[in-house]
Structures are given as C-alpha cells and as structure tokens.
C-alpha cells in the first residue's frame, strides 16, 4: 500500500509539473555548471519573437507568455536569442514568420558580435541550423525565423580561432548548437561565469555538435518550466527563442 501510494504521488507530481517540450537538464563540464535544453525540431514548435502587436518588444518571457495565451497557446522553454540595441532591436539579421526585419551584417566590428566569424541561427520546416554568416549569404536558406549573433563558438568542429584558453573574461553565457542533420537544437546557459573558450568546448567536447553560436553574456536568461526556472529578470530582452505549445 505504501509503495502504491508513493507511485501515485510521484505520477501526480509529474502530471503537475509544467511541460516545456524541451528536454532540460543540469550538467557539470570541466568544473562548471550548465543547464542544457534539447529541442526536437520534428516534434517541437520552436519560434523567434521580438515585438508584440503594438510594435513594442515583449521584453520578458512572462509578457510573451501572456500574449500567447490570448491565442490559446503558451510559452514553454525560452531563451534570449541574440544581441540587441538600446531600443531592443536586433544588432544583426532577423527574420520572423518569413518577414525580414534586419538584413545580414557580414563585416567585422566592435564587440562580440563583430568578432568574425559570426553566424545565423536559422529555423526552417522541421529543422534548425547554425550557419556561419558568409556561408549563409551564399546558401540563401529560406528561413521562417532567423537571428544573427556572434561570435561562432564552433565552426565545423573547430573552436573559434580567436578564443584564448587563458582568457580572464568571464561571464554567464548562453548559446545554441545544432546537429548536422538539423533535427536537434541544443541550447545552453552557464550557471557559473565562464570564458568563451570554456563555453565553446562545452559544445565541441561535451555536446559533440559541429556548429554552435554565441547568443549573449551577462544578461543571459533561461525559462525552463520543467526545472522550475522562470527566467525572470529586471532587464528587458530583445529577440527571444522559445517553444510554443497549446494552452491546457
């Protein structure tokens, strides 16, 4: 009776746990803590979001979730997805529902975004790809959603050439990597401050992904309902990537 009661309690607890579709878990790699969320592009409805119907940035995961509820939907897993200006507009290329809001920037520049090579996270029907910017311009993929950021973390299995093993620049960092077949997108956020080199090695050596892209640092946030992680914060965000599911 006790065992049956414990099983029933466990099933009830699981039923009451918010589902976010993405499979999120905490891991330790090379002495640092990370949260990893894997998205199956054949199963999950992954989208990018920037502005609401009034043309103002959603800014927060909670605001986006409330807007989706009016459509009979809800927000599951979510993460900030690329660098942005003071007005929250994207620094680089951005496409939402097939509409281009900003063109591709392929030149070097100040800051992490301009640390070439940078890249584009592209969502098409049933697949996701991280593509180095110059390749993206040549390939001209028909992305339903796209966000450009930088630098690339991993390019064809190699670390970005400018990353230094002995760097002293440490921040909370987040990014995304994709499998070669485009079926999985793996999002990561560090729970400890890490260097670019350390974060890139997570994608190459632990997650074994051929291409990965840096989204941002310091203001990096993650919404993972299954881990009771809301991603609430005081700083408004620019582009957001997230899974949309039917409201229950």
Foldseek 3Di string as FASTA:
>chain_A
DVVVVVVVVVVVVVVPFDDFQWDWDWDDDPRFIKIKTKHFLQPFAKFKAFADPVRAGCQFQVSVQVSVVVVQKGFAKKKFFADADPSLHHPAWKAAQQDTPHHGDCAADDDFQRLPQWWKWFADRQFIATGGRVVCVVVVDRGSIMHTGDDKQAAQLHGDPPFDPPDPDWFFWKWWAAAPVRRMIMIMTTPGTDGSNVVSCCCRPVVNGRTMHTHDTRLIFIPHSNVVGHRDDDGGHGMMMTTMDRHD
